[in-house]
Structures are given as C-alpha cells and as structure tokens.
Amino acid sequence: MLTSIINTFADRMAPAAVAGVYNAMPQPALAFLRNHNFRRTVRYVAKHSRFYRQAFARRGIDPAAVHRPQDLGDFYTMPEDITADPEAFICRPPSIVFESSGTSGKNKQVYYSQRELVGIGQLMAAGLHLMGIGPEDRVANCFDFSMWIPGMLAHYALMRSGNFCMAFGKVDPLEVYRRMRQYNFSVVLGEPTWLIRLTEIAERQGGVKLKLLIGGAEEMPPDAIPWMTQVWQGAKVRMGYGSVELGGSLGYQPCSAFDGYHMDDFNYLPEVIEAGADGYGELVFTTLQRRVMPLVRYRTRDVTRILPGLCPCGRQGMRMARLRGRRDELVVASGGNLYPLMFENILRGIPGLAHDWQVVFRLEGVREILELNVEAAGEGGRDDLENAIYRHAREQYPDLMKNLAIGIFDMRIVIHRPGTLRVARKLKRMLDLRYSPVAAEPAAADPACHSTEALHV
C-alpha cells in the first residue's frame, strides 16, 4: 500500500521534484522500502510467474519465508532462462516486447505494459534532470529504436519532461549534424560509439556549442571525454547504465565523478556476488516495481563493485563503479585472468588511435596468440602506435608482459581503418577462439590493415 501511494504521487510530480524527493529521502527509509518491495516481488512472482513458481518448487523455496536476497541461497535468474522461455516469466498481459542486443549469443525478449513504460519514462526523466537537462534544452534523441529499448524509453522521458526533441533513432550521424544548427539542439543522446562518430564529423566540419552529450548501452572510452568536450565547446559528457532486462537505467552520472554511477536503489535491489578481494564481482538486480515481467536476482554478467562512502557531489544513495568488463568476456589466458578493462587502460591516451578495439585469442599449433586489433585514426605512424602500446603494457601490467617475454604466448598488433572492427551493434571486446570449432574472424577483411609478426618483448 505504501509503495502504491508513493508511486501515485510520483506519477503526478515533475521530474525535478521526483529527483529531489529521492535525494532527500533518509537512507534508513529507503532501505526499508527497498527490502519491503523485494519481499513483495518474491511473493508476487511465486504466484503469477510460471518460471518462478516452478523454480521455487524445485528448490524447496517458501516465498513467505524470504525476507532478503540471501534467503534465496544460490538461486539466480540466468540470461539463458529468459532465452529458453521468455513467456514463462509473464505475470500480466503485456503491451510491448523488446529484444536484447544479443551480445551473449541469442537475443532475449522482455515484455512491458504501457503503464510500465510511462512509469519508466518518468523515472528516466528524473535521471536526465539529475544529469543536467533543463526545461529549456532541445534534445536530439539518437538512441536506437529498432526492437531495442533505449530510444523509446528516452522518448517517453522527453515527453514526460516536456523538452523539445527530435526522435532521430540511430541514423547516420551526418544527418544529425546537418540539423544541429537548424533546430538549435543543446543535448544529444546516443550510444558512445555513435557519439564518437558524430564528434569526428564535427571536428572535421566545425563543432557547435553543446551543453550535454549523454551516452548509454556501452562504456564510453575515458580518453574520448576531454576530446568530445573540446570539439563541442565545453559540453559535459554523462553516461547512464541500463539494459533491456532492467527496463530503464539502474545508474546515472549526475556529477563529474566518472569513476561510476549513482544507482536507482528505489526501483531496483542491486547486489554484487562472487566478489574478489578488490570487491569486484558480478552485478545482480531484482526489479521492485514491474508487474508484467519482474526479474528476481537477475545475473547481468557485468563485473563491477559497490563504491563505498558518499560521493563528493553530496548526493546520497548507492553507487557502482564503472564496469570492469563482462563475466562472459573474462578470458583465462596468457598466464592470467584478462578483462577488457586491462586493454582499455593499455590503449588509453595513445595518440593516433580510434576508440574501437578487440582482443582475439587463437592457437597456432600449441602456441597461444594474443591478437590485439586496433583502429588507427589517421594514416602512418604504425611503428609509433605499436611502440606506444607495448610501452603502456609494460608500465601497467608487468606480469603479463613478463609472461610474453618468457614465451608463454605471442602477441600481435593488427591495425585497421577506423570503423572496420564493428560489424554489429555491439563489439565483443574479448573473443576467445582457441578451442572454438569455428575459427570465425572478428571483423570483415580490410586490405589496408597490417600487422606485426609474432613478437617477444
């Protein structure tokens, strides 16, 4: 009843007021509501969802005895569960279905009602307000609308906030650039790689002054941020963390603390499980408000940690670190556990590199090959790029490079033209083909790409 009353008032409030109430809510009260809604969700899915009813029965779980996530033991909802039978999760008749981007191999279907979309739009509008969008801003919404969720949710949010906007979708960035002065946009929303392409166009043809660039759906390369700010004459770069399964954004960046995200821990109960000594583990969440297709302890495969203490900006609530990578992209190779963040750190700050990259692990006979594919931002400078990559690797990961030096593996650097590595919506950063029956190539053949021979350092 209490949650229903809060949601009813929230539906009538302006996004700025919703954000203000959340930030002002005492943490004990927020924790009480979060735990209350978790219990309510577990009982609800046990009654209405075929998947959870059967899963709880198989494991001997009594929903009435569940008061906190730990009471469910090692029970989690896996991505494969949704892939296998998505309609087994449905509790009420849906109005719309979205599909995931399919980075884990097969698209997942997630269902929502019209009321839920309106509610998510309200919450996203509050998040956009926290990140700096005001009523005077004109917004170019360039998130994808094609079967995917961010474009439509951003549109619902902008309709709720009342901002002037244009629903571009994920079109050619040149089409958006041509209209920026015509419509006097001050904010652009889009995927980081798309925003980078738009910025490259503006750098060549002349940037305009923007207030905000807001990205989502994948991580923004940190070294791209100062460059984008310069090209767009002072624009701030902010990121949101969300997914089709989340049905909105779990994380927002309302401040300049780029080490992570402020979390919406009213509408989600987040956990980090199987954490190492550094606190990094897999992000798990339970939806607390959805009623068409609620998810309990859903494993995202994303690796992060909960940040301790209060953010320097003064806003309260839980925070999560930037993603270290995906659990299904962790590769045990070359004498260690390798995450995408390692290679992001190695490549950061190297002049002449574009922002897409991919690591491919192969076997040639019994020899393990670590192939680092990068894109050059311009012509020439091949030796300089290779030398800089090796230098950064030695400085930051001496143990890895020691394994290279003693011959545990070989490392090759392959340089491609800009824009040739990404052949799908998302680029899988770590591709392990060592034991794959099909030795698929990570990108289309590019006659201009060139590689080093196998090298030891």
Protein backbone atom coordinates (compact mmCIF):
# COMPACT_ATOMS: atom_id res chain seq x y z
CA MET A 1 0.00 0.00 0.00
CA LEU A 2 2.77 2.44 0.96
CA THR A 3 4.60 1.84 -2.33
CA SER A 4 1.39 2.35 -4.31
CA ILE A 5 0.80 5.69 -2.59
CA ILE A 6 4.37 6.82 -3.32
CA ASN A 7 4.08 5.79 -6.97
CA THR A 8 0.75 7.57 -7.34
CA PHE A 9 2.25 10.84 -6.09
CA ALA A 10 5.37 10.32 -8.23
CA ASP A 11 3.22 9.95 -11.35
CA ARG A 12 1.90 13.48 -10.77
CA MET A 13 5.23 15.12 -9.93
CA ALA A 14 7.62 16.91 -12.25
CA PRO A 15 10.91 15.08 -12.93
CA ALA A 16 12.87 17.62 -10.88
CA ALA A 17 10.57 17.01 -7.90
CA VAL A 18 10.92 13.22 -8.22
CA ALA A 19 14.70 13.57 -8.23
CA GLY A 20 14.58 15.92 -5.25
CA VAL A 21 12.38 13.60 -3.16
CA TYR A 22 14.66 10.65 -3.84
CA ASN A 23 17.78 12.59 -2.88
CA ALA A 24 16.12 13.88 0.30
CA MET A 25 14.79 10.50 1.46
CA PRO A 26 16.66 9.26 4.56
CA GLN A 27 18.73 6.15 3.87
CA PRO A 28 17.01 4.03 6.55
CA ALA A 29 13.63 4.80 5.00
CA LEU A 30 14.93 3.97 1.53
CA ALA A 31 16.41 0.68 2.77
CA PHE A 32 13.11 -0.20 4.46
CA LEU A 33 11.14 0.41 1.25
CA ARG A 34 13.69 -1.49 -0.84
CA ASN A 35 13.50 -4.57 1.39
CA HIS A 36 9.70 -4.35 1.64
CA ASN A 37 9.37 -4.24 -2.14
CA PHE A 38 11.80 -7.15 -2.52
CA ARG A 39 9.64 -9.34 -0.31
CA ARG A 40 6.53 -8.22 -2.15
CA THR A 41 8.12 -9.01 -5.54
CA VAL A 42 9.19 -12.51 -4.49
CA ARG A 43 5.66 -13.36 -3.33
CA TYR A 44 4.16 -11.84 -6.46
CA VAL A 45 6.29 -13.82 -8.92
CA ALA A 46 5.73 -17.03 -6.95
CA LYS A 47 2.00 -16.57 -7.52
CA HIS A 48 1.90 -15.23 -11.08
CA SER A 49 5.04 -16.37 -12.94
CA ARG A 50 5.23 -19.93 -14.22
CA PHE A 51 9.03 -19.81 -14.26
CA TYR A 52 9.44 -18.69 -10.64
CA ARG A 53 6.62 -20.88 -9.34
CA GLN A 54 8.27 -23.97 -10.82
CA ALA A 55 11.83 -22.90 -9.93
CA PHE A 56 10.93 -22.22 -6.29
CA ALA A 57 9.09 -25.54 -6.04
CA ARG A 58 12.06 -27.47 -7.43
CA ARG A 59 14.40 -25.87 -4.92
CA GLY A 60 12.03 -26.08 -1.94
CA ILE A 61 11.91 -22.29 -1.55
CA ASP A 62 9.00 -20.98 0.53
CA PRO A 63 8.34 -17.41 -0.77
CA ALA A 64 6.71 -16.43 2.53
CA ALA A 65 9.99 -17.17 4.32
CA VAL A 66 12.08 -14.97 2.01
CA HIS A 67 12.87 -11.61 3.60
CA ARG A 68 16.14 -10.67 1.91
CA PRO A 69 18.11 -11.83 -1.16
CA GLN A 70 20.37 -14.09 0.90
CA ASP A 71 17.32 -16.15 1.89
CA LEU A 72 17.18 -17.39 -1.71
CA GLY A 73 20.60 -19.00 -1.31
CA ASP A 74 22.28 -19.65 -4.65
CA PHE A 75 19.11 -19.08 -6.66
CA TYR A 76 19.52 -16.60 -9.53
CA THR A 77 17.70 -15.86 -12.75
CA MET A 78 20.08 -16.59 -15.60
CA PRO A 79 20.06 -14.94 -19.04
CA GLU A 80 19.61 -18.44 -20.51
CA ASP A 81 16.36 -18.82 -18.54
CA ILE A 82 14.84 -15.88 -20.41
CA THR A 83 16.23 -17.05 -23.73
CA ALA A 84 14.78 -20.54 -23.26
CA ASP A 85 11.19 -19.48 -22.41
CA PRO A 86 10.61 -15.73 -22.00
CA GLU A 87 6.83 -16.04 -21.77
CA ALA A 88 7.18 -18.23 -18.68
CA PHE A 89 8.10 -15.02 -16.81
CA ILE A 90 4.99 -13.06 -17.82
CA CYS A 91 2.65 -12.26 -14.93
CA ARG A 92 0.19 -9.87 -16.63
CA PRO A 93 -0.79 -9.24 -20.25
CA PRO A 94 1.97 -7.18 -21.91
CA SER A 95 1.61 -4.26 -24.31
CA ILE A 96 5.03 -4.38 -25.95
CA VAL A 97 8.13 -6.54 -26.27
CA PHE A 98 11.76 -5.51 -26.71
CA GLU A 99 14.77 -7.64 -27.59
CA SER A 100 18.25 -7.52 -26.17
CA SER A 101 21.22 -6.70 -28.37
CA GLY A 102 22.34 -10.30 -28.36
CA THR A 103 25.94 -9.89 -27.16
CA SER A 104 25.63 -13.15 -25.21
CA GLY A 105 24.79 -15.09 -28.36
CA LYS A 106 20.98 -15.07 -28.65
CA ASN A 107 18.51 -12.24 -28.25
CA LYS A 108 16.32 -12.19 -25.15
CA GLN A 109 12.70 -10.99 -25.20
CA VAL A 110 11.48 -8.77 -22.36
CA TYR A 111 7.85 -7.63 -22.01
CA TYR A 112 6.27 -4.48 -20.57
CA SER A 113 2.88 -2.84 -20.18
CA GLN A 114 2.03 0.64 -21.36
CA ARG A 115 1.73 1.77 -17.74
CA GLU A 116 5.20 0.47 -17.00
CA LEU A 117 6.65 2.35 -19.96
CA VAL A 118 5.06 5.56 -18.74
CA GLY A 119 6.47 4.96 -15.25
CA ILE A 120 9.93 4.15 -16.57
CA GLY A 121 9.78 7.29 -18.69
CA GLN A 122 9.00 9.32 -15.56
CA LEU A 123 11.99 7.83 -13.74
CA MET A 124 14.28 8.32 -16.72
CA ALA A 125 13.13 11.94 -16.98
CA ALA A 126 14.19 12.41 -13.35
CA GLY A 127 17.55 10.81 -14.17
CA LEU A 128 18.07 13.08 -17.18
CA HIS A 129 17.26 16.05 -14.95
CA LEU A 130 19.90 14.89 -12.47
CA MET A 131 22.42 14.73 -15.31
CA GLY A 132 21.71 18.33 -16.26
CA ILE A 133 18.83 18.51 -18.75
CA GLY A 134 16.64 21.51 -18.01
CA PRO A 135 13.26 22.57 -19.43
CA GLU A 136 14.93 24.96 -21.86
CA ASP A 137 17.07 22.27 -23.53
CA ARG A 138 16.44 20.95 -27.03
CA VAL A 139 17.33 17.28 -27.32
CA ALA A 140 18.39 15.09 -30.24
CA ASN A 141 17.40 11.54 -29.26
CA CYS A 142 19.72 9.28 -31.26
CA PHE A 143 19.29 6.08 -29.29
CA ASP A 144 18.26 3.06 -31.33
CA PHE A 145 14.53 2.34 -31.72
CA SER A 146 14.95 -0.92 -33.69
CA MET A 147 13.48 -3.68 -31.47
CA TRP A 148 15.67 -2.32 -28.70
CA ILE A 149 14.60 -0.30 -25.68
CA PRO A 150 16.69 2.90 -25.16
CA GLY A 151 15.24 5.02 -27.97
CA MET A 152 11.64 4.55 -26.91
CA LEU A 153 12.33 4.95 -23.19
CA ALA A 154 14.28 8.14 -23.83
CA HIS A 155 11.35 9.35 -25.93
CA TYR A 156 8.89 8.61 -23.10
CA ALA A 157 11.20 10.50 -20.74
CA LEU A 158 11.41 13.53 -23.01
CA MET A 159 7.64 13.57 -23.47
CA ARG A 160 7.26 13.49 -19.69
CA SER A 161 9.80 16.28 -19.11
CA GLY A 162 8.30 18.41 -21.89
CA ASN A 163 11.60 19.06 -23.65
CA PHE A 164 11.61 19.95 -27.33
CA CYS A 165 13.13 16.95 -29.08
CA MET A 166 13.57 15.07 -32.32
CA ALA A 167 13.35 11.27 -32.36
CA PHE A 168 16.17 10.56 -34.80
CA GLY A 169 16.89 6.99 -33.80
CA LYS A 170 20.27 5.54 -34.70
CA VAL A 171 20.64 7.24 -38.07
CA ASP A 172 23.80 8.25 -39.91
CA PRO A 173 25.46 10.83 -37.60
CA LEU A 174 25.88 13.13 -40.59
CA GLU A 175 22.09 13.51 -40.79
CA VAL A 176 22.01 14.74 -37.20
CA TYR A 177 24.99 17.05 -37.66
CA ARG A 178 23.29 18.74 -40.64
CA ARG A 179 20.29 19.62 -38.46
CA MET A 180 22.03 20.76 -35.28
CA ARG A 181 22.05 24.46 -36.12
CA GLN A 182 18.61 24.31 -37.72
CA TYR A 183 16.96 23.06 -34.52
CA ASN A 184 19.44 24.57 -32.06
CA PHE A 185 19.97 21.33 -30.15
CA SER A 186 21.81 21.65 -26.85
CA VAL A 187 21.79 17.96 -25.84
CA VAL A 188 22.47 14.80 -27.84
CA LEU A 189 21.62 11.28 -26.60
CA GLY A 190 23.22 8.22 -28.17
CA GLU A 191 25.48 5.21 -27.85
CA PRO A 192 29.12 6.14 -27.14
CA THR A 193 30.45 4.84 -30.45
CA TRP A 194 27.74 6.75 -32.30
CA LEU A 195 28.55 9.94 -30.34
CA ILE A 196 32.22 9.47 -31.20
CA ARG A 197 31.40 9.26 -34.92
CA LEU A 198 29.28 12.43 -34.62
CA THR A 199 32.17 14.18 -32.87
CA GLU A 200 34.58 13.13 -35.62
CA ILE A 201 32.27 14.79 -38.17
CA ALA A 202 32.07 17.95 -36.06
CA GLU A 203 35.86 18.02 -35.67
CA ARG A 204 36.25 18.00 -39.46
CA GLN A 205 33.37 20.29 -40.37
CA GLY A 206 33.11 22.55 -37.33
CA GLY A 207 31.53 21.91 -33.94
CA VAL A 208 28.69 23.82 -32.37
CA LYS A 209 28.32 24.63 -28.70
CA LEU A 210 26.52 21.87 -26.83
CA LYS A 211 25.57 21.59 -23.19
CA LEU A 212 25.47 17.80 -22.79
CA LEU A 213 26.31 14.54 -24.54
CA ILE A 214 24.60 11.62 -22.79
CA GLY A 215 25.53 8.05 -23.67
CA GLY A 216 24.38 4.60 -22.71
CA ALA A 217 24.27 0.91 -23.73
CA GLU A 218 28.06 0.53 -23.60
CA GLU A 219 31.02 2.14 -21.84
CA MET A 220 32.48 5.45 -23.00
CA PRO A 221 36.28 5.35 -23.54
CA PRO A 222 37.61 7.72 -20.84
CA ASP A 223 40.13 9.37 -23.15
CA ALA A 224 37.32 10.32 -25.52
CA ILE A 225 35.68 12.59 -22.95
CA PRO A 226 38.11 15.58 -22.96
CA TRP A 227 38.30 15.44 -26.74
CA MET A 228 34.50 15.49 -27.08
CA THR A 229 34.26 18.35 -24.58
CA GLN A 230 36.72 20.37 -26.64
CA VAL A 231 35.07 19.70 -30.01
CA TRP A 232 31.63 20.61 -28.65
CA GLN A 233 32.90 23.78 -26.98
CA GLY A 234 32.55 22.81 -23.35
CA ALA A 235 29.85 20.12 -23.45
CA LYS A 236 29.72 17.82 -20.44
CA VAL A 237 29.73 14.08 -21.10
CA ARG A 238 27.50 11.91 -18.93
CA MET A 239 26.65 8.20 -19.03
CA GLY A 240 23.75 6.02 -17.96
CA TYR A 241 23.79 2.30 -17.21
CA GLY A 242 20.76 0.31 -18.33
CA SER A 243 19.62 -2.69 -20.34
CA VAL A 244 16.56 -4.27 -21.91
CA GLU A 245 16.26 -6.56 -18.89
CA LEU A 246 16.48 -3.64 -16.46
CA GLY A 247 13.77 -1.82 -18.37
CA GLY A 248 15.39 1.56 -17.77
CA SER A 249 18.52 2.85 -16.12
CA LEU A 250 19.96 1.49 -12.91
CA GLY A 251 22.81 4.01 -12.97
CA TYR A 252 23.22 7.71 -13.77
CA GLN A 253 26.13 10.14 -13.74
CA PRO A 254 24.73 13.38 -12.29
CA CYS A 255 28.18 14.75 -11.45
CA SER A 256 31.78 14.79 -12.68
CA ALA A 257 32.79 11.71 -10.67
CA PHE A 258 33.46 9.48 -13.66
CA ASP A 259 34.52 6.53 -11.51
CA GLY A 260 31.00 5.12 -11.66
CA TYR A 261 27.25 5.64 -11.41
CA HIS A 262 24.67 6.74 -8.87
CA MET A 263 22.18 3.87 -8.60
CA ASP A 264 18.39 3.87 -8.59
CA ASP A 265 18.08 1.70 -5.50
CA PHE A 266 14.39 2.50 -5.02
CA ASN A 267 13.24 0.69 -8.16
CA TYR A 268 15.96 -1.97 -8.11
CA LEU A 269 17.69 -4.01 -5.44
CA PRO A 270 21.28 -4.40 -6.68
CA GLU A 271 23.80 -6.95 -5.41
CA VAL A 272 27.39 -7.80 -6.32
CA ILE A 273 28.08 -11.52 -5.98
CA GLU A 274 31.20 -13.70 -6.08
CA ALA A 275 33.35 -10.65 -5.41
CA GLY A 276 37.11 -10.86 -5.20
CA ALA A 277 39.38 -9.23 -2.67
CA ASP A 278 39.05 -5.91 -4.53
CA GLY A 279 35.24 -6.00 -4.25
CA TYR A 280 34.64 -6.62 -7.95
CA GLY A 281 32.06 -9.26 -8.79
CA GLU A 282 29.01 -9.82 -10.94
CA LEU A 283 26.15 -7.31 -10.78
CA VAL A 284 22.79 -8.89 -9.92
CA PHE A 285 19.50 -7.00 -9.64
CA THR A 286 15.87 -7.51 -8.66
CA THR A 287 13.19 -5.29 -10.18
CA LEU A 288 10.97 -3.84 -7.46
CA GLN A 289 8.13 -2.13 -9.34
CA ARG A 290 7.49 -4.09 -12.54
CA ARG A 291 4.49 -6.39 -12.70
CA VAL A 292 4.36 -7.74 -16.29
CA MET A 293 7.78 -9.43 -16.28
CA PRO A 294 9.54 -8.94 -12.93
CA LEU A 295 13.01 -10.38 -12.55
CA VAL A 296 14.43 -11.73 -9.28
CA ARG A 297 18.21 -11.76 -8.78
CA TYR A 298 18.97 -11.48 -12.47
CA ARG A 299 22.64 -12.06 -13.33
CA THR A 300 23.80 -9.35 -15.71
CA ARG A 301 27.29 -10.81 -16.41
CA ASP A 302 28.63 -7.27 -15.86
CA VAL A 303 31.58 -7.01 -13.49
CA THR A 304 31.61 -4.04 -11.11
CA ARG A 305 31.68 -3.22 -7.41
CA ILE A 306 29.65 -1.11 -4.98
CA LEU A 307 31.57 2.08 -4.22
CA PRO A 308 31.97 2.89 -0.53
CA GLY A 309 31.23 6.23 1.09
CA LEU A 310 29.39 9.32 -0.04
CA CYS A 311 30.01 10.76 -3.50
CA PRO A 312 31.98 14.05 -3.48
CA CYS A 313 28.95 15.69 -5.11
CA GLY A 314 26.98 15.11 -1.86
CA ARG A 315 24.19 13.02 -3.35
CA GLN A 316 23.31 10.01 -1.24
CA GLY A 317 22.36 6.50 -2.25
CA MET A 318 24.27 3.53 -3.56
CA ARG A 319 26.95 3.89 -6.24
CA MET A 320 28.57 1.36 -8.53
CA ALA A 321 31.95 1.54 -10.22
CA ARG A 322 32.44 1.72 -13.96
CA LEU A 323 32.20 -1.74 -15.49
CA ARG A 324 35.42 -3.69 -15.45
CA GLY A 325 34.03 -5.90 -18.20
CA ARG A 326 31.62 -8.78 -18.62
CA ARG A 327 31.98 -12.07 -16.81
CA ASP A 328 31.45 -13.88 -20.10
CA GLU A 329 34.31 -11.81 -21.54
CA LEU A 330 36.81 -12.75 -18.85
CA VAL A 331 39.45 -14.89 -20.54
CA VAL A 332 41.89 -17.07 -18.65
CA ALA A 333 44.86 -16.87 -20.99
CA SER A 334 48.46 -15.78 -21.29
CA GLY A 335 49.17 -16.80 -17.73
CA GLY A 336 46.37 -14.85 -16.03
CA ASN A 337 42.78 -13.61 -15.87
CA LEU A 338 42.29 -10.95 -18.54
CA TYR A 339 39.47 -8.39 -18.54
CA PRO A 340 38.58 -5.76 -21.18
CA LEU A 341 39.49 -3.02 -18.70
CA MET A 342 43.14 -4.09 -18.86
CA PHE A 343 43.34 -3.39 -22.58
CA GLU A 344 41.30 -0.22 -22.23
CA ASN A 345 43.94 1.00 -19.77
CA ILE A 346 46.78 0.00 -22.08
CA LEU A 347 45.31 1.86 -25.07
CA ARG A 348 44.20 4.94 -23.14
CA GLY A 349 45.98 8.13 -24.08
CA ILE A 350 47.86 6.78 -27.12
CA PRO A 351 47.76 9.41 -29.90
CA GLY A 352 46.62 8.21 -33.29
CA LEU A 353 44.23 5.50 -32.11
CA ALA A 354 40.49 5.49 -32.75
CA HIS A 355 38.25 4.22 -29.97
CA ASP A 356 37.27 0.72 -31.12
CA TRP A 357 39.45 -2.29 -30.31
CA GLN A 358 39.15 -6.04 -29.88
CA VAL A 359 41.36 -8.78 -28.46
CA VAL A 360 41.25 -12.20 -30.14
CA PHE A 361 42.86 -15.29 -28.62
CA ARG A 362 43.93 -18.01 -31.07
CA LEU A 363 46.02 -21.15 -31.19
CA GLU A 364 48.62 -21.83 -33.86
CA GLY A 365 49.53 -25.41 -33.15
CA VAL A 366 50.12 -25.34 -29.43
CA ARG A 367 51.23 -21.70 -29.42
CA GLU A 368 48.78 -19.23 -27.86
CA ILE A 369 48.36 -15.99 -29.80
CA LEU A 370 47.03 -12.77 -28.26
CA GLU A 371 45.93 -10.63 -31.20
CA LEU A 372 45.18 -7.00 -30.34
CA ASN A 373 43.11 -5.35 -33.06
CA VAL A 374 43.05 -1.54 -33.02
CA GLU A 375 41.88 1.19 -35.37
CA ALA A 376 44.21 3.99 -36.46
CA ALA A 377 42.69 7.45 -36.52
CA GLY A 378 44.88 8.53 -39.45
CA GLU A 379 47.49 7.40 -41.94
CA GLY A 380 51.04 6.48 -40.99
CA GLY A 381 52.64 6.16 -37.59
CA ARG A 382 52.39 2.35 -37.45
CA ASP A 383 55.67 1.85 -35.61
CA ASP A 384 54.87 4.65 -33.18
CA LEU A 385 51.49 3.07 -32.36
CA GLU A 386 53.00 -0.35 -31.78
CA ASN A 387 55.82 1.01 -29.61
CA ALA A 388 53.38 3.05 -27.52
CA ILE A 389 51.11 0.04 -26.97
CA TYR A 390 53.98 -2.13 -25.81
CA ARG A 391 55.33 0.64 -23.58
CA HIS A 392 51.94 1.15 -21.88
CA ALA A 393 51.55 -2.60 -21.43
CA ARG A 394 54.97 -2.91 -19.77
CA GLU A 395 54.30 0.02 -17.45
CA GLN A 396 50.83 -1.06 -16.33
CA TYR A 397 50.89 -4.87 -16.48
CA PRO A 398 54.48 -6.05 -16.00
CA ASP A 399 53.40 -9.58 -15.01
CA LEU A 400 51.52 -10.03 -18.28
CA MET A 401 54.46 -8.74 -20.29
CA LYS A 402 56.88 -10.93 -18.32
CA ASN A 403 54.84 -13.93 -19.50
CA LEU A 404 55.22 -12.63 -23.03
CA ALA A 405 58.95 -12.17 -22.60
CA ILE A 406 59.49 -15.75 -21.46
CA GLY A 407 57.44 -17.14 -24.34
CA ILE A 408 54.22 -18.24 -22.64
CA PHE A 409 52.30 -16.61 -25.51
CA ASP A 410 52.86 -14.50 -28.60
CA MET A 411 51.33 -11.06 -29.08
CA ARG A 412 50.38 -9.47 -32.38
CA ILE A 413 49.07 -5.99 -33.04
CA VAL A 414 46.74 -5.62 -36.03
CA ILE A 415 45.92 -2.11 -37.22
CA HIS A 416 42.66 -1.44 -39.07
CA ARG A 417 40.96 1.52 -40.71
CA PRO A 418 38.51 3.46 -38.50
CA GLY A 419 35.04 1.92 -38.38
CA THR A 420 36.00 -1.53 -39.69
CA LEU A 421 36.08 -3.58 -36.48
CA ARG A 422 32.45 -3.04 -35.54
CA VAL A 423 30.17 -5.14 -37.73
CA ALA A 424 27.24 -5.37 -35.27
CA ARG A 425 25.54 -3.08 -32.75
CA LYS A 426 28.00 -4.05 -30.03
CA LEU A 427 31.61 -5.10 -30.37
CA LYS A 428 32.63 -8.01 -28.16
CA ARG A 429 35.91 -6.84 -26.69
CA MET A 430 37.37 -10.26 -25.84
CA LEU A 431 36.97 -13.09 -28.34
CA ASP A 432 38.37 -16.50 -27.40
CA LEU A 433 38.76 -18.73 -30.47
CA ARG A 434 41.37 -21.08 -29.03
CA TYR A 435 39.01 -24.01 -28.64
CA SER A 436 36.21 -22.92 -30.93
CA PRO A 437 35.24 -25.40 -33.69
CA VAL A 438 34.67 -22.42 -36.00
CA ALA A 439 37.60 -20.03 -36.34
CA ALA A 440 35.42 -17.00 -37.13
CA GLU A 441 37.07 -13.70 -37.94
CA PRO A 442 36.29 -10.80 -35.59
CA ALA A 443 35.83 -8.28 -38.36
CA ALA A 444 35.47 -8.01 -42.11
CA ALA A 445 38.71 -8.31 -44.06
CA ASP A 446 40.35 -4.95 -44.63
CA PRO A 447 43.03 -4.80 -47.32
CA ALA A 448 44.55 -1.74 -45.66
CA CYS A 449 45.07 -3.35 -42.27
CA HIS A 450 48.52 -4.53 -41.36
CA SER A 451 50.00 -6.49 -38.50
CA THR A 452 53.30 -7.14 -36.85
CA GLU A 453 54.95 -10.50 -36.84
CA ALA A 454 54.70 -12.51 -33.64
CA LEU A 455 56.85 -10.63 -31.17
CA HIS A 456 58.53 -11.25 -27.86
CA VAL A 457 59.35 -8.38 -25.56
